[in-house]
Amino acid sequence: MPKEVDAVTRLYDFILWMIPKLEKFPRNQKFLLGDRMENLMLDILELLIEATYSRNKQPALFAANMKLEKLRYLIRLAKDLKLISVKGYEFSANAMDGIGRSVGGWLKYNRSENIPTPVS
């Protein structure tokens, strides 16, 4: 499976799982932390889709990678505030790890593909 399809699919599936969890946040956190997390997930999805259809994938992939790191911290914060269960956090951490590996692999593959060949 190509890295781009894997990363998009993994993230899409995670978003489907996570949005109902965010809806259960208490009102004061739903509109603060919940919205922030939801917006980050959707931003990452948009960046991965953009990378899928771009010739120069690296800017979108780097931006997605940075937003993934931010999302990891917000998920950890949600767990520490007891907004998501430890089990939910473990699932999220594993999902984030898989998505991060897919994006990292895609970046690595893209870098190796863009190495200019020496002219002889």
Protein backbone atom coordinates (compact mmCIF):
# COMPACT_ATOMS: atom_id res chain seq x y z
CA MET A 1 0.00 0.00 0.00
CA PRO A 2 1.50 3.40 -0.92
CA LYS A 3 2.54 5.51 2.07
CA GLU A 4 0.19 8.37 1.16
CA VAL A 5 -2.87 6.13 1.06
CA ASP A 6 -1.84 4.46 4.32
CA ALA A 7 -1.34 7.79 6.14
CA VAL A 8 -4.63 9.26 4.91
CA THR A 9 -6.58 6.08 5.70
CA ARG A 10 -5.08 5.75 9.18
CA LEU A 11 -5.81 9.38 10.00
CA TYR A 12 -9.33 9.23 8.57
CA ASP A 13 -10.12 6.15 10.66
CA PHE A 14 -8.69 7.84 13.75
CA ILE A 15 -10.82 10.95 13.16
CA LEU A 16 -13.92 8.75 12.87
CA TRP A 17 -13.06 7.19 16.23
CA MET A 18 -12.04 10.43 17.97
CA ILE A 19 -14.84 12.86 17.04
CA PRO A 20 -17.50 11.04 19.11
CA LYS A 21 -15.06 11.13 22.07
CA LEU A 22 -14.63 14.88 21.67
CA GLU A 23 -18.41 15.34 21.65
CA LYS A 24 -18.50 13.86 25.17
CA PHE A 25 -16.07 16.39 26.60
CA PRO A 26 -17.61 18.69 29.23
CA ARG A 27 -18.99 21.88 27.71
CA ASN A 28 -16.10 24.08 28.91
CA GLN A 29 -13.51 21.76 27.32
CA LYS A 30 -15.52 20.76 24.25
CA PHE A 31 -15.25 24.29 22.87
CA LEU A 32 -11.66 24.80 23.92
CA LEU A 33 -9.58 21.63 23.85
CA GLY A 34 -12.07 19.56 21.83
CA ASP A 35 -12.36 22.11 19.02
CA ARG A 36 -8.59 22.59 18.96
CA MET A 37 -8.02 18.85 18.62
CA GLU A 38 -10.71 18.48 15.96
CA ASN A 39 -9.30 21.38 13.93
CA LEU A 40 -5.79 19.95 14.14
CA MET A 41 -6.97 16.53 12.95
CA LEU A 42 -8.83 18.08 10.02
CA ASP A 43 -5.84 20.31 9.18
CA ILE A 44 -3.57 17.25 9.11
CA LEU A 45 -6.05 15.41 6.87
CA GLU A 46 -6.12 18.37 4.47
CA LEU A 47 -2.31 18.52 4.40
CA LEU A 48 -2.01 14.80 3.65
CA ILE A 49 -4.57 15.07 0.86
CA GLU A 50 -2.69 18.09 -0.48
CA ALA A 51 0.56 16.11 -0.41
CA THR A 52 -1.12 13.25 -2.27
CA TYR A 53 -1.85 15.51 -5.23
CA SER A 54 1.23 17.77 -5.13
CA ARG A 55 4.44 17.37 -7.05
CA ASN A 56 6.42 18.86 -4.17
CA LYS A 57 5.08 16.91 -1.23
CA GLN A 58 7.65 17.92 1.39
CA PRO A 59 6.15 21.23 2.61
CA ALA A 60 2.74 19.65 3.24
CA LEU A 61 4.30 16.56 4.85
CA PHE A 62 6.53 18.63 7.14
CA ALA A 63 3.53 20.74 8.19
CA ALA A 64 1.43 17.60 8.79
CA ASN A 65 4.23 16.10 10.87
CA MET A 66 4.44 19.23 13.06
CA LYS A 67 0.66 19.29 13.57
CA LEU A 68 0.73 15.58 14.47
CA GLU A 69 3.22 16.37 17.22
CA LYS A 70 0.97 19.14 18.54
CA LEU A 71 -2.01 16.77 18.46
CA ARG A 72 -0.05 14.18 20.46
CA TYR A 73 0.42 16.70 23.26
CA LEU A 74 -3.23 17.75 23.24
CA ILE A 75 -4.32 14.11 23.45
CA ARG A 76 -1.96 13.62 26.38
CA LEU A 77 -3.39 16.75 28.02
CA ALA A 78 -6.93 15.40 27.53
CA LYS A 79 -5.87 12.17 29.25
CA ASP A 80 -4.23 14.03 32.15
CA LEU A 81 -7.40 16.14 32.56
CA LYS A 82 -9.33 12.84 32.60
CA LEU A 83 -11.32 13.81 29.51
CA ILE A 84 -10.35 10.55 27.83
CA SER A 85 -9.70 7.24 29.55
CA VAL A 86 -6.28 5.64 29.87
CA LYS A 87 -7.49 2.96 27.45
CA GLY A 88 -8.61 5.67 24.99
CA TYR A 89 -5.24 7.36 25.41
CA GLU A 90 -3.40 4.10 24.68
CA PHE A 91 -5.47 3.62 21.53
CA SER A 92 -4.80 7.23 20.50
CA ALA A 93 -1.08 6.96 21.18
CA ASN A 94 -0.86 3.81 19.06
CA ALA A 95 -2.88 5.44 16.28
CA MET A 96 -0.69 8.58 16.38
CA ASP A 97 2.42 6.39 16.27
CA GLY A 98 1.12 4.54 13.20
CA ILE A 99 0.13 7.76 11.44
CA GLY A 100 3.48 9.33 12.32
CA ARG A 101 5.35 6.32 10.95
CA SER A 102 3.35 6.49 7.73
CA VAL A 103 4.02 10.21 7.29
CA GLY A 104 7.69 9.74 8.22
CA GLY A 105 8.05 6.89 5.74
CA TRP A 106 6.35 8.96 3.06
CA LEU A 107 8.76 11.85 3.77
CA LYS A 108 11.77 9.54 3.64
CA TYR A 109 10.58 7.95 0.40
CA ASN A 110 9.90 11.37 -1.12
CA ARG A 111 13.37 12.62 -0.13
CA SER A 112 15.08 9.64 -1.74
CA GLU A 113 12.98 10.08 -4.88
CA ASN A 114 13.95 13.78 -5.18
CA ILE A 115 17.71 13.31 -4.94
CA PRO A 116 19.17 14.79 -8.13
CA THR A 117 21.24 12.37 -10.16
CA PRO A 118 24.77 13.52 -10.99
CA VAL A 119 25.32 14.59 -14.58
CA SER A 120 28.24 12.85 -16.23
